[in-house]
Structure formats: C-alpha cells, structure tokens
C-alpha atoms as a PDB file:
ATOM      1  CA  MET A   1     -16.058   4.068 -47.664  1.00  0.00           C
ATOM      2  CA  ALA A   2     -19.498   5.222 -46.524  1.00  0.00           C
ATOM      3  CA  ASP A   3     -19.616   2.555 -43.797  1.00  0.00           C
ATOM      4  CA  ASP A   4     -16.458   3.938 -42.157  1.00  0.00           C
ATOM      5  CA  VAL A   5     -17.804   7.488 -42.324  1.00  0.00           C
ATOM      6  CA  GLU A   6     -21.082   6.494 -40.736  1.00  0.00           C
ATOM      7  CA  LYS A   7     -19.302   4.351 -38.141  1.00  0.00           C
ATOM      8  CA  LEU A   8     -17.122   7.333 -37.193  1.00  0.00           C
ATOM      9  CA  LEU A   9     -20.130   9.651 -37.058  1.00  0.00           C
ATOM     10  CA  ARG A  10     -22.130   7.244 -34.916  1.00  0.00           C
ATOM     11  CA  PHE A  11     -19.182   6.961 -32.536  1.00  0.00           C
ATOM     12  CA  ILE A  12     -18.894  10.758 -32.283  1.00  0.00           C
ATOM     13  CA  ALA A  13     -22.668  11.045 -31.912  1.00  0.00           C
ATOM     14  CA  HIS A  14     -22.731   8.572 -29.019  1.00  0.00           C
ATOM     15  CA  ARG A  15     -19.477   9.497 -27.304  1.00  0.00           C
ATOM     16  CA  TYR A  16     -19.721  13.276 -27.576  1.00  0.00           C
ATOM     17  CA  VAL A  17     -22.851  14.908 -29.027  1.00  0.00           C
ATOM     18  CA  ALA A  18     -25.609  12.713 -27.559  1.00  0.00           C
ATOM     19  CA  ARG A  19     -23.756  12.441 -24.254  1.00  0.00           C
ATOM     20  CA  GLU A  20     -23.997  16.216 -23.831  1.00  0.00           C
ATOM     21  CA  GLU A  21     -27.700  16.161 -24.698  1.00  0.00           C
ATOM     22  CA  VAL A  22     -28.343  13.318 -22.249  1.00  0.00           C
ATOM     23  CA  LEU A  23     -26.574  15.258 -19.486  1.00  0.00           C
ATOM     24  CA  GLU A  24     -28.589  18.366 -20.336  1.00  0.00           C
ATOM     25  CA  ILE A  25     -31.820  16.379 -20.041  1.00  0.00           C
ATOM     26  CA  GLU A  26     -30.692  15.193 -16.609  1.00  0.00           C
ATOM     27  CA  ARG A  27     -29.767  18.742 -15.524  1.00  0.00           C
ATOM     28  CA  ASP A  28     -33.105  20.129 -16.714  1.00  0.00           C
ATOM     29  CA  ALA A  29     -35.160  17.404 -15.047  1.00  0.00           C
ATOM     30  CA  SER A  30     -37.028  18.321 -11.898  1.00  0.00           C
ATOM     31  CA  ALA A  31     -37.784  16.106  -8.936  1.00  0.00           C
ATOM     32  CA  ALA A  32     -41.361  15.860 -10.210  1.00  0.00           C
ATOM     33  CA  ASP A  33     -40.277  14.311 -13.530  1.00  0.00           C
ATOM     34  CA  GLU A  34     -40.815  10.589 -13.824  1.00  0.00           C
ATOM     35  CA  ALA A  35     -37.638   8.541 -14.273  1.00  0.00           C
ATOM     36  CA  GLN A  36     -39.084   6.759 -17.312  1.00  0.00           C
ATOM     37  CA  ASP A  37     -39.826  10.139 -18.930  1.00  0.00           C
ATOM     38  CA  ILE A  38     -36.235  11.231 -18.419  1.00  0.00           C
ATOM     39  CA  VAL A  39     -34.912   7.971 -19.841  1.00  0.00           C
ATOM     40  CA  ALA A  40     -37.298   8.228 -22.804  1.00  0.00           C
ATOM     41  CA  GLY A  41     -36.071  11.764 -23.509  1.00  0.00           C
ATOM     42  CA  GLN A  42     -32.484  10.575 -23.389  1.00  0.00           C
ATOM     43  CA  ARG A  43     -33.281   7.704 -25.720  1.00  0.00           C
ATOM     44  CA  ARG A  44     -34.917  10.128 -28.180  1.00  0.00           C
ATOM     45  CA  ALA A  45     -31.828  12.355 -28.081  1.00  0.00           C
ATOM     46  CA  ILE A  46     -29.567   9.405 -28.931  1.00  0.00           C
ATOM     47  CA  GLN A  47     -31.860   8.240 -31.739  1.00  0.00           C
ATOM     48  CA  SER A  48     -31.970  11.760 -33.148  1.00  0.00           C
ATOM     49  CA  GLU A  49     -28.171  11.914 -33.256  1.00  0.00           C
ATOM     50  CA  GLU A  50     -27.991   8.495 -34.916  1.00  0.00           C
ATOM     51  CA  GLN A  51     -30.423   9.720 -37.571  1.00  0.00           C
ATOM     52  CA  LYS A  52     -28.344  12.868 -38.132  1.00  0.00           C
ATOM     53  CA  ALA A  53     -25.234  10.706 -38.518  1.00  0.00           C
ATOM     54  CA  THR A  54     -26.956   8.795 -41.311  1.00  0.00           C
ATOM     55  CA  GLU A  55     -28.352  11.908 -42.987  1.00  0.00           C
ATOM     56  CA  MET A  56     -25.135  13.926 -42.791  1.00  0.00           C
ATOM     57  CA  ALA A  57     -22.615  11.183 -43.636  1.00  0.00           C
ATOM     58  CA  ASP A  58     -22.017  12.230 -47.261  1.00  0.00           C
ATOM     59  CA  ALA A  59     -21.685  15.929 -46.425  1.00  0.00           C
ATOM     60  CA  PHE A  60     -19.394  15.099 -43.493  1.00  0.00           C
ATOM     61  CA  ARG A  61     -17.153  12.948 -45.707  1.00  0.00           C
ATOM     62  CA  ASP A  62     -17.035  15.650 -48.402  1.00  0.00           C
ATOM     63  CA  GLY A  63     -16.203  18.363 -45.870  1.00  0.00           C
ATOM     64  CA  LEU A  64     -13.528  16.272 -44.214  1.00  0.00           C
ATOM     65  CA  ARG A  65     -11.960  15.489 -47.572  1.00  0.00           C
ATOM     66  CA  LYS A  66     -12.003  19.173 -48.481  1.00  0.00           C
ATOM     67  CA  ALA A  67     -10.283  19.973 -45.183  1.00  0.00           C
ATOM     68  CA  GLU A  68      -7.713  17.237 -45.824  1.00  0.00           C
ATOM     69  CA  ALA A  69      -7.016  18.625 -49.313  1.00  0.00           C
ATOM     70  CA  ALA A  70      -6.471  22.068 -47.796  1.00  0.00           C
ATOM     71  CA  ARG A  71      -4.098  20.566 -45.226  1.00  0.00           C
ATOM     72  CA  ARG A  72      -2.102  18.791 -47.945  1.00  0.00           C
ATOM     73  CA  ALA A  73      -1.863  22.117 -49.793  1.00  0.00           C
ATOM     74  CA  GLY A  74      -0.399  23.742 -46.680  1.00  0.00           C
ATOM     75  CA  GLY A  75      -3.557  25.311 -45.255  1.00  0.00           C
ATOM     76  CA  ASN A  76      -4.982  24.827 -41.830  1.00  0.00           C
ATOM     77  CA  ALA A  77      -8.664  25.693 -42.453  1.00  0.00           C
ATOM     78  CA  ILE A  78     -11.440  25.636 -45.019  1.00  0.00           C
ATOM     79  CA  SER A  79     -14.056  28.279 -45.692  1.00  0.00           C
ATOM     80  CA  LEU A  80     -17.597  27.210 -46.493  1.00  0.00           C
ATOM     81  CA  ASP A  81     -20.175  29.677 -47.804  1.00  0.00           C
ATOM     82  CA  ASP A  82     -23.741  28.913 -46.713  1.00  0.00           C
ATOM     83  CA  ARG A  83     -25.099  30.559 -49.875  1.00  0.00           C
ATOM     84  CA  LYS A  84     -23.818  27.473 -51.732  1.00  0.00           C
ATOM     85  CA  PRO A  85     -25.969  24.425 -50.868  1.00  0.00           C
ATOM     86  CA  GLU A  86     -23.039  21.965 -50.937  1.00  0.00           C
ATOM     87  CA  ASP A  87     -20.915  24.194 -48.682  1.00  0.00           C
ATOM     88  CA  ASP A  88     -23.876  24.724 -46.364  1.00  0.00           C
ATOM     89  CA  ARG A  89     -24.374  20.960 -45.954  1.00  0.00           C
ATOM     90  CA  MET A  90     -20.669  20.396 -45.307  1.00  0.00           C
ATOM     91  CA  ALA A  91     -20.569  23.217 -42.745  1.00  0.00           C
ATOM     92  CA  ASP A  92     -23.646  21.842 -40.962  1.00  0.00           C
ATOM     93  CA  ALA A  93     -22.130  18.362 -40.730  1.00  0.00           C
ATOM     94  CA  LEU A  94     -18.649  19.440 -39.649  1.00  0.00           C
ATOM     95  CA  ILE A  95     -19.970  21.892 -37.081  1.00  0.00           C
ATOM     96  CA  HIS A  96     -22.559  19.478 -35.730  1.00  0.00           C
ATOM     97  CA  PHE A  97     -20.149  16.607 -35.204  1.00  0.00           C
ATOM     98  CA  LEU A  98     -16.637  18.045 -34.965  1.00  0.00           C
ATOM     99  CA  VAL A  99     -17.013  21.562 -33.612  1.00  0.00           C
ATOM    100  CA  ARG A 100     -19.608  20.562 -31.007  1.00  0.00           C
ATOM    101  CA  SER A 101     -17.242  17.793 -29.917  1.00  0.00           C
ATOM    102  CA  ASP A 102     -14.164  20.060 -29.737  1.00  0.00           C
ATOM    103  CA  ILE A 103     -12.516  18.116 -32.567  1.00  0.00           C
ATOM    104  CA  ALA A 104     -12.567  21.243 -34.740  1.00  0.00           C
ATOM    105  CA  GLY A 105     -12.917  24.968 -34.334  1.00  0.00           C
ATOM    106  CA  SER A 106     -15.116  27.354 -36.289  1.00  0.00           C
ATOM    107  CA  THR A 107     -15.443  31.071 -36.863  1.00  0.00           C
ATOM    108  CA  THR A 108     -18.099  32.874 -38.871  1.00  0.00           C
ATOM    109  CA  ARG A 109     -18.186  35.974 -40.980  1.00  0.00           C
ATOM    110  CA  GLU A 110     -21.470  37.489 -42.128  1.00  0.00           C
ATOM    111  CA  THR A 111     -21.625  38.047 -45.902  1.00  0.00           C
ATOM    112  CA  ASP A 112     -25.229  39.157 -46.320  1.00  0.00           C
ATOM    113  CA  GLN A 113     -28.014  39.445 -43.796  1.00  0.00           C
ATOM    114  CA  HIS A 114     -28.298  35.997 -42.150  1.00  0.00           C
ATOM    115  CA  ARG A 115     -25.695  34.530 -44.550  1.00  0.00           C
ATOM    116  CA  TYR A 116     -22.285  33.396 -43.413  1.00  0.00           C
ATOM    117  CA  ILE A 117     -18.931  32.011 -44.380  1.00  0.00           C
ATOM    118  CA  TYR A 118     -17.782  29.406 -41.876  1.00  0.00           C
ATOM    119  CA  THR A 119     -14.065  28.889 -41.436  1.00  0.00           C
ATOM    120  CA  ILE A 120     -13.444  25.453 -39.973  1.00  0.00           C
ATOM    121  CA  THR A 121     -10.154  24.197 -38.581  1.00  0.00           C
ATOM    122  CA  VAL A 122      -9.941  20.460 -37.885  1.00  0.00           C
ATOM    123  CA  ASP A 123      -7.816  19.270 -34.967  1.00  0.00           C
ATOM    124  CA  TRP A 124      -6.280  16.399 -36.905  1.00  0.00           C
ATOM    125  CA  ASP A 125      -4.548  14.874 -33.872  1.00  0.00           C
ATOM    126  CA  ALA A 126      -7.848  14.770 -31.970  1.00  0.00           C
ATOM    127  CA  LEU A 127      -9.668  13.349 -34.990  1.00  0.00           C
ATOM    128  CA  GLU A 128      -7.021  10.649 -35.377  1.00  0.00           C
ATOM    129  CA  ARG A 129      -7.439   9.692 -31.688  1.00  0.00           C
ATOM    130  CA  VAL A 130     -11.224   9.576 -32.041  1.00  0.00           C
ATOM    131  CA  SER A 131     -10.911   7.483 -35.210  1.00  0.00           C
ATOM    132  CA  LEU A 132      -8.644   5.018 -33.414  1.00  0.00           C
ATOM    133  CA  ASP A 133     -11.112   4.793 -30.517  1.00  0.00           C
ATOM    134  CA  ALA A 134     -13.902   4.198 -33.045  1.00  0.00           C
ATOM    135  CA  LYS A 135     -11.776   1.535 -34.787  1.00  0.00           C
ATOM    136  CA  VAL A 136     -12.081   3.442 -38.058  1.00  0.00           C
ATOM    137  CA  ASN A 137      -9.258   3.928 -40.542  1.00  0.00           C
ATOM    138  CA  LEU A 138      -9.179   7.698 -41.023  1.00  0.00           C
ATOM    139  CA  GLY A 139      -7.191   7.259 -44.246  1.00  0.00           C
ATOM    140  CA  GLU A 140     -10.096   5.283 -45.702  1.00  0.00           C
ATOM    141  CA  VAL A 141     -12.574   7.966 -44.635  1.00  0.00           C
ATOM    142  CA  LEU A 142     -10.377  10.601 -46.291  1.00  0.00           C
ATOM    143  CA  GLY A 143     -10.097   8.552 -49.463  1.00  0.00           C
ATOM    144  CA  ARG A 144      -6.380   7.819 -49.028  1.00  0.00           C
ATOM    145  CA  GLY A 145      -6.929   4.091 -49.001  1.00  0.00           C
ATOM    146  CA  GLY A 146      -5.033   3.520 -45.807  1.00  0.00           C
END
C-alpha cells in the first residue's frame, strides 16, 4: 500500500534523515546568524526530505520488496547496478533512507568509470522496530498482506 510506504518514509525522514540535517545546520550556524534564518533553513531541510519521501516512495517499496525476496530465498543482501535505471532508483531510495539512518548497510563496487554496483543489506530487526514506531505494518509495505 503506497500510503504505508510513504508514511514509513516520512517517519524515517523526520526521525532520522532530517534530524541530522537540522543538527548540521545548527552546528554550522555562527553567532552572527539570525535565529529566524537558522529556523528557516531547518524548515527547508525537513520539507526537502518530505518531498524526497514522496518522490522516492515507489522505488523504496520496490527495493525493499526485492530485499525481502532475497531474504526469503536465503540471501542477506541485494545488488543494484546503477547502469540500470530501475536499480539506480532503488539504490538511491534505500541508501537515502535506510543506509543514512543506519537501518541498512551498503558497499559499492565500481564497474565502469563512475558506475557502481551497490550491495545493500537491510537490518530487518531495526526496520521492524522503526515500522512499529511509525505505526506501519511492515508486512503490508512488503506486499505480504500482514
């Protein structure tokens, strides 16, 4: 269900990704910066992450389902080749939301100049905890119906 995927992504965006960006804005601010400018920058960072959650929802769902299929088949990771547009979108979404949030790990291997295969390993226990906190049924997101 797209709503559950987007709800999960928005939760991760707010709780993890945007939080780090907001803290970075605070760290980079100088005493001369106006408080309203800092707050406006933080607000823009949050809005940007919300927009990315909307834009990347389908690719995130597809990547997560691919990772789940690999797990059911006995694997612990998926490889995504950025030379394939669908794989590239899935890698971008999973890395942006899960890897940046320490809910997954990623390694890269260069295939051609500036082209990579991303190997992504989801921490399923962490993702289940995050899904519970977000009040999202991970089974629904994964297409298991419950």
